[in-house]
Amino acid sequence: QVQLVESGGGLVQPGGSLRLSCAASGFTFSNYYMSWYRQGPGKERELVSSINSRGGTTSYADSVKGRFTISRDNAKNTLYLQMNSLKPEDTAVYYCNAKFVTLSYWGQGTQVTVSS
């Protein structure tokens, strides 16, 4: 059974940091292209960051470039998103996504709220 379980969300003040994790099971994690998406209140889901299967290539939305870092540990079947210098506009539910050819899996999401 395929599972993607996000964790690490919470309430943080502006300027603070959080580290999200996405634990994968039920598929060969190291073969999959992984991404973080987010959906803010009243907004559409948007791509935040992606990383290729070996972790050598990453990409970021302009809005998070320089503040967020995506990484993966294929030995632990886990995807990470280190989020620094958080802003109120980063408030959203964050989802991890696994993609391989026509296969695509989603986690249930973790809430990140940036507020003073």
N, C-alpha and C. Protein backbone atom coordinates (compact mmCIF):
# COMPACT_ATOMS: atom_id res chain seq x y z
N GLN A 1 0.84 -1.19 0.00
CA GLN A 1 0.00 0.00 0.00
C GLN A 1 0.89 1.25 0.00
N VAL A 2 0.65 2.10 -0.99
CA VAL A 2 1.44 3.32 -1.10
C VAL A 2 1.03 4.32 -0.02
N GLN A 3 2.02 4.87 0.65
CA GLN A 3 1.75 5.91 1.65
C GLN A 3 2.81 7.00 1.57
N LEU A 4 2.33 8.23 1.67
CA LEU A 4 3.18 9.40 1.84
C LEU A 4 2.64 10.14 3.06
N VAL A 5 3.46 10.26 4.08
CA VAL A 5 3.00 10.86 5.33
C VAL A 5 3.87 12.08 5.65
N GLU A 6 3.25 13.25 5.56
CA GLU A 6 3.96 14.49 5.87
C GLU A 6 3.91 14.77 7.37
N SER A 7 4.94 15.44 7.85
CA SER A 7 4.98 15.86 9.25
C SER A 7 5.88 17.09 9.37
N GLY A 8 5.82 17.72 10.54
CA GLY A 8 6.70 18.86 10.79
C GLY A 8 6.05 20.22 10.68
N GLY A 9 4.80 20.25 10.27
CA GLY A 9 4.11 21.53 10.19
C GLY A 9 3.77 22.08 11.56
N GLY A 10 3.27 23.30 11.59
CA GLY A 10 2.89 23.92 12.85
C GLY A 10 2.76 25.41 12.73
N LEU A 11 2.69 26.06 13.88
CA LEU A 11 2.59 27.51 13.95
C LEU A 11 3.97 28.09 14.23
N VAL A 12 4.38 29.05 13.45
CA VAL A 12 5.69 29.67 13.62
C VAL A 12 5.57 31.16 13.38
N GLN A 13 6.41 31.94 14.04
CA GLN A 13 6.39 33.39 13.86
C GLN A 13 7.11 33.76 12.56
N PRO A 14 6.76 34.91 12.00
CA PRO A 14 7.50 35.38 10.82
C PRO A 14 9.00 35.44 11.09
N GLY A 15 9.76 34.98 10.11
CA GLY A 15 11.21 34.90 10.28
C GLY A 15 11.70 33.59 10.84
N GLY A 16 10.78 32.76 11.29
CA GLY A 16 11.15 31.48 11.88
C GLY A 16 11.41 30.40 10.84
N SER A 17 11.66 29.20 11.35
CA SER A 17 12.00 28.07 10.48
C SER A 17 11.19 26.84 10.86
N LEU A 18 10.98 26.00 9.86
CA LEU A 18 10.37 24.69 10.05
C LEU A 18 11.04 23.72 9.09
N ARG A 19 11.03 22.45 9.48
CA ARG A 19 11.51 21.41 8.59
C ARG A 19 10.40 20.38 8.41
N LEU A 20 9.93 20.28 7.18
CA LEU A 20 8.91 19.29 6.86
C LEU A 20 9.57 17.99 6.43
N SER A 21 8.91 16.89 6.76
CA SER A 21 9.34 15.57 6.32
C SER A 21 8.20 14.86 5.63
N CYS A 22 8.54 13.99 4.70
CA CYS A 22 7.54 13.16 4.02
C CYS A 22 8.10 11.74 3.98
N ALA A 23 7.49 10.88 4.77
CA ALA A 23 7.92 9.48 4.83
C ALA A 23 7.16 8.66 3.80
N ALA A 24 7.89 7.96 2.97
CA ALA A 24 7.28 7.19 1.88
C ALA A 24 7.37 5.70 2.14
N SER A 25 6.36 4.98 1.71
CA SER A 25 6.37 3.52 1.81
C SER A 25 5.46 2.94 0.74
N GLY A 26 5.68 1.67 0.41
CA GLY A 26 4.82 0.98 -0.54
C GLY A 26 5.23 1.12 -1.99
N PHE A 27 6.34 1.81 -2.25
CA PHE A 27 6.86 1.93 -3.61
C PHE A 27 8.36 2.17 -3.53
N THR A 28 9.02 2.08 -4.67
CA THR A 28 10.48 2.25 -4.71
C THR A 28 10.81 3.74 -4.76
N PHE A 29 10.96 4.30 -3.58
CA PHE A 29 11.14 5.74 -3.42
C PHE A 29 12.28 6.29 -4.28
N SER A 30 13.37 5.57 -4.36
CA SER A 30 14.56 6.08 -5.05
C SER A 30 14.35 6.23 -6.56
N ASN A 31 13.27 5.67 -7.09
CA ASN A 31 12.98 5.80 -8.53
C ASN A 31 12.14 7.03 -8.85
N TYR A 32 11.59 7.65 -7.82
CA TYR A 32 10.57 8.66 -8.03
C TYR A 32 11.11 10.09 -7.94
N TYR A 33 10.58 10.92 -8.82
CA TYR A 33 10.76 12.37 -8.79
C TYR A 33 9.83 12.89 -7.72
N MET A 34 10.37 13.70 -6.78
CA MET A 34 9.59 14.12 -5.63
C MET A 34 9.42 15.64 -5.63
N SER A 35 8.27 16.06 -5.14
CA SER A 35 7.98 17.49 -5.09
C SER A 35 7.21 17.85 -3.83
N TRP A 36 7.33 19.12 -3.47
CA TRP A 36 6.47 19.72 -2.45
C TRP A 36 5.55 20.71 -3.15
N TYR A 37 4.27 20.63 -2.82
CA TYR A 37 3.27 21.58 -3.26
C TYR A 37 2.66 22.23 -2.03
N ARG A 38 1.98 23.34 -2.23
CA ARG A 38 1.24 23.95 -1.13
C ARG A 38 -0.05 24.57 -1.65
N GLN A 39 -1.02 24.67 -0.75
CA GLN A 39 -2.28 25.30 -1.08
C GLN A 39 -2.67 26.22 0.06
N GLY A 40 -2.60 27.52 -0.21
CA GLY A 40 -2.98 28.51 0.78
C GLY A 40 -4.47 28.72 0.81
N PRO A 41 -4.96 29.40 1.83
CA PRO A 41 -6.41 29.64 1.94
C PRO A 41 -6.93 30.42 0.74
N GLY A 42 -7.94 29.85 0.08
CA GLY A 42 -8.53 30.49 -1.08
C GLY A 42 -7.68 30.49 -2.33
N LYS A 43 -6.61 29.70 -2.32
CA LYS A 43 -5.70 29.67 -3.47
C LYS A 43 -5.66 28.28 -4.09
N GLU A 44 -5.14 28.23 -5.31
CA GLU A 44 -4.94 26.95 -5.95
C GLU A 44 -3.64 26.31 -5.45
N ARG A 45 -3.57 24.99 -5.59
CA ARG A 45 -2.35 24.30 -5.22
C ARG A 45 -1.22 24.73 -6.16
N GLU A 46 -0.05 25.00 -5.58
CA GLU A 46 1.08 25.44 -6.39
C GLU A 46 2.32 24.62 -6.06
N LEU A 47 3.17 24.48 -7.07
CA LEU A 47 4.43 23.77 -6.92
C LEU A 47 5.42 24.65 -6.17
N VAL A 48 6.02 24.09 -5.12
CA VAL A 48 6.99 24.82 -4.32
C VAL A 48 8.41 24.45 -4.71
N SER A 49 8.67 23.14 -4.78
CA SER A 49 10.03 22.69 -5.04
C SER A 49 10.01 21.24 -5.50
N SER A 50 11.02 20.87 -6.29
CA SER A 50 11.13 19.51 -6.79
C SER A 50 12.57 19.03 -6.71
N ILE A 51 12.72 17.70 -6.71
CA ILE A 51 14.05 17.10 -6.66
C ILE A 51 14.02 15.80 -7.46
N ASN A 52 15.08 15.54 -8.22
CA ASN A 52 15.07 14.33 -9.03
C ASN A 52 15.36 13.11 -8.17
N SER A 53 15.33 11.95 -8.81
CA SER A 53 15.36 10.70 -8.05
C SER A 53 16.65 10.52 -7.25
N ARG A 54 17.75 11.01 -7.77
CA ARG A 54 19.03 10.85 -7.07
C ARG A 54 19.37 12.03 -6.18
N GLY A 55 18.58 13.08 -6.28
CA GLY A 55 18.81 14.24 -5.43
C GLY A 55 19.80 15.24 -5.98
N GLY A 56 20.24 15.05 -7.21
CA GLY A 56 21.26 15.92 -7.76
C GLY A 56 20.74 17.18 -8.41
N THR A 57 19.44 17.20 -8.70
CA THR A 57 18.85 18.35 -9.38
C THR A 57 17.63 18.81 -8.61
N THR A 58 17.60 20.10 -8.31
CA THR A 58 16.48 20.68 -7.57
C THR A 58 15.96 21.91 -8.29
N SER A 59 14.73 22.26 -7.99
CA SER A 59 14.14 23.48 -8.53
C SER A 59 13.21 24.09 -7.50
N TYR A 60 13.01 25.41 -7.61
CA TYR A 60 12.21 26.12 -6.63
C TYR A 60 11.33 27.16 -7.30
N ALA A 61 10.18 27.40 -6.70
CA ALA A 61 9.36 28.53 -7.12
C ALA A 61 10.10 29.81 -6.75
N ASP A 62 9.90 30.84 -7.53
CA ASP A 62 10.59 32.11 -7.27
C ASP A 62 10.28 32.63 -5.87
N SER A 63 9.08 32.38 -5.40
CA SER A 63 8.64 32.92 -4.11
C SER A 63 9.39 32.32 -2.92
N VAL A 64 10.03 31.17 -3.11
CA VAL A 64 10.73 30.51 -1.99
C VAL A 64 12.22 30.37 -2.22
N LYS A 65 12.68 30.74 -3.40
CA LYS A 65 14.10 30.59 -3.74
C LYS A 65 14.96 31.35 -2.75
N GLY A 66 15.99 30.67 -2.25
CA GLY A 66 16.89 31.30 -1.29
C GLY A 66 16.45 31.13 0.15
N ARG A 67 15.21 30.69 0.36
CA ARG A 67 14.70 30.50 1.73
C ARG A 67 14.41 29.03 2.03
N PHE A 68 13.98 28.28 1.04
CA PHE A 68 13.63 26.86 1.23
C PHE A 68 14.68 25.97 0.58
N THR A 69 14.89 24.80 1.18
CA THR A 69 15.81 23.81 0.62
C THR A 69 15.16 22.44 0.64
N ILE A 70 15.08 21.83 -0.53
CA ILE A 70 14.53 20.48 -0.64
C ILE A 70 15.68 19.48 -0.62
N SER A 71 15.44 18.34 0.00
CA SER A 71 16.44 17.28 0.01
C SER A 71 15.74 15.94 0.19
N ARG A 72 16.48 14.88 -0.01
CA ARG A 72 15.91 13.54 0.16
C ARG A 72 16.97 12.60 0.68
N ASP A 73 16.51 11.59 1.40
CA ASP A 73 17.38 10.52 1.87
C ASP A 73 16.78 9.23 1.36
N ASN A 74 17.35 8.71 0.28
CA ASN A 74 16.79 7.50 -0.34
C ASN A 74 16.97 6.27 0.55
N ALA A 75 17.94 6.29 1.43
CA ALA A 75 18.12 5.16 2.35
C ALA A 75 17.01 5.13 3.40
N LYS A 76 16.46 6.29 3.70
CA LYS A 76 15.39 6.39 4.70
C LYS A 76 14.02 6.59 4.06
N ASN A 77 13.97 6.61 2.72
CA ASN A 77 12.69 6.81 2.02
C ASN A 77 11.97 8.07 2.51
N THR A 78 12.71 9.13 2.64
CA THR A 78 12.15 10.35 3.20
C THR A 78 12.56 11.58 2.39
N LEU A 79 11.59 12.45 2.20
CA LEU A 79 11.77 13.73 1.53
C LEU A 79 11.68 14.83 2.59
N TYR A 80 12.48 15.89 2.41
CA TYR A 80 12.50 16.98 3.38
C TYR A 80 12.29 18.32 2.68
N LEU A 81 11.81 19.29 3.48
CA LEU A 81 11.78 20.67 3.02
C LEU A 81 12.18 21.54 4.21
N GLN A 82 13.35 22.12 4.15
CA GLN A 82 13.80 23.06 5.16
C GLN A 82 13.32 24.44 4.77
N MET A 83 12.55 25.06 5.64
CA MET A 83 11.94 26.36 5.35
C MET A 83 12.48 27.38 6.34
N ASN A 84 13.18 28.37 5.85
CA ASN A 84 13.74 29.43 6.67
C ASN A 84 13.13 30.77 6.29
N SER A 85 13.31 31.75 7.16
CA SER A 85 12.80 33.11 6.91
C SER A 85 11.35 33.08 6.48
N LEU A 86 10.55 32.35 7.21
CA LEU A 86 9.15 32.17 6.82
C LEU A 86 8.38 33.48 6.88
N LYS A 87 7.44 33.60 5.95
CA LYS A 87 6.60 34.79 5.83
C LYS A 87 5.13 34.40 5.99
N PRO A 88 4.29 35.34 6.36
CA PRO A 88 2.86 35.01 6.48
C PRO A 88 2.28 34.42 5.20
N GLU A 89 2.79 34.85 4.06
CA GLU A 89 2.27 34.32 2.79
C GLU A 89 2.70 32.88 2.52
N ASP A 90 3.56 32.31 3.36
CA ASP A 90 3.90 30.90 3.25
C ASP A 90 2.87 30.02 3.94
N THR A 91 1.91 30.63 4.62
CA THR A 91 0.85 29.87 5.28
C THR A 91 0.08 29.05 4.26
N ALA A 92 0.02 27.74 4.50
CA ALA A 92 -0.63 26.83 3.54
C ALA A 92 -0.59 25.42 4.10
N VAL A 93 -1.34 24.56 3.44
CA VAL A 93 -1.17 23.12 3.65
C VAL A 93 -0.12 22.66 2.65
N TYR A 94 0.89 21.97 3.14
CA TYR A 94 2.00 21.51 2.31
C TYR A 94 1.85 20.01 2.05
N TYR A 95 1.96 19.66 0.77
CA TYR A 95 1.78 18.28 0.33
C TYR A 95 3.05 17.78 -0.35
N CYS A 96 3.38 16.52 -0.13
CA CYS A 96 4.44 15.94 -0.94
C CYS A 96 3.80 15.09 -2.05
N ASN A 97 4.51 15.02 -3.15
CA ASN A 97 4.05 14.29 -4.33
C ASN A 97 5.18 13.43 -4.87
N ALA A 98 4.85 12.22 -5.25
CA ALA A 98 5.80 11.30 -5.86
C ALA A 98 5.35 11.01 -7.28
N LYS A 99 6.28 11.10 -8.22
CA LYS A 99 5.92 10.93 -9.62
C LYS A 99 6.92 10.02 -10.33
N PHE A 100 6.38 9.06 -11.12
CA PHE A 100 7.21 8.18 -11.94
C PHE A 100 6.42 7.80 -13.17
N VAL A 101 6.80 8.29 -14.28
CA VAL A 101 6.13 8.10 -15.57
C VAL A 101 4.67 8.55 -15.40
N THR A 102 3.72 7.64 -15.44
CA THR A 102 2.31 8.03 -15.33
C THR A 102 1.77 7.89 -13.91
N LEU A 103 2.61 7.43 -12.99
CA LEU A 103 2.17 7.24 -11.61
C LEU A 103 2.41 8.52 -10.81
N SER A 104 1.42 8.85 -9.97
CA SER A 104 1.53 10.05 -9.14
C SER A 104 0.81 9.79 -7.82
N TYR A 105 1.52 10.02 -6.72
CA TYR A 105 0.94 9.78 -5.40
C TYR A 105 1.04 11.06 -4.58
N TRP A 106 0.04 11.24 -3.70
CA TRP A 106 -0.02 12.42 -2.84
C TRP A 106 -0.12 12.03 -1.38
N GLY A 107 0.44 12.86 -0.53
CA GLY A 107 0.25 12.72 0.89
C GLY A 107 -1.01 13.47 1.32
N GLN A 108 -1.29 13.43 2.62
CA GLN A 108 -2.51 14.05 3.13
C GLN A 108 -2.31 15.52 3.49
N GLY A 109 -1.05 15.95 3.55
CA GLY A 109 -0.73 17.34 3.82
C GLY A 109 -0.44 17.63 5.28
N THR A 110 0.32 18.70 5.49
CA THR A 110 0.61 19.19 6.84
C THR A 110 0.45 20.71 6.83
N GLN A 111 -0.20 21.22 7.85
CA GLN A 111 -0.51 22.65 7.91
C GLN A 111 0.70 23.44 8.42
N VAL A 112 1.03 24.49 7.71
CA VAL A 112 2.04 25.46 8.15
C VAL A 112 1.36 26.81 8.28
N THR A 113 1.44 27.39 9.46
CA THR A 113 0.87 28.71 9.71
C THR A 113 1.95 29.65 10.21
N VAL A 114 2.12 30.75 9.49
CA VAL A 114 3.13 31.74 9.85
C VAL A 114 2.39 32.98 10.33
N SER A 115 2.49 33.24 11.62
CA SER A 115 1.73 34.34 12.20
C SER A 115 2.37 34.77 13.51
N SER A 116 2.25 36.05 13.80
CA SER A 116 2.74 36.56 15.08
C SER A 116 1.61 36.59 16.10
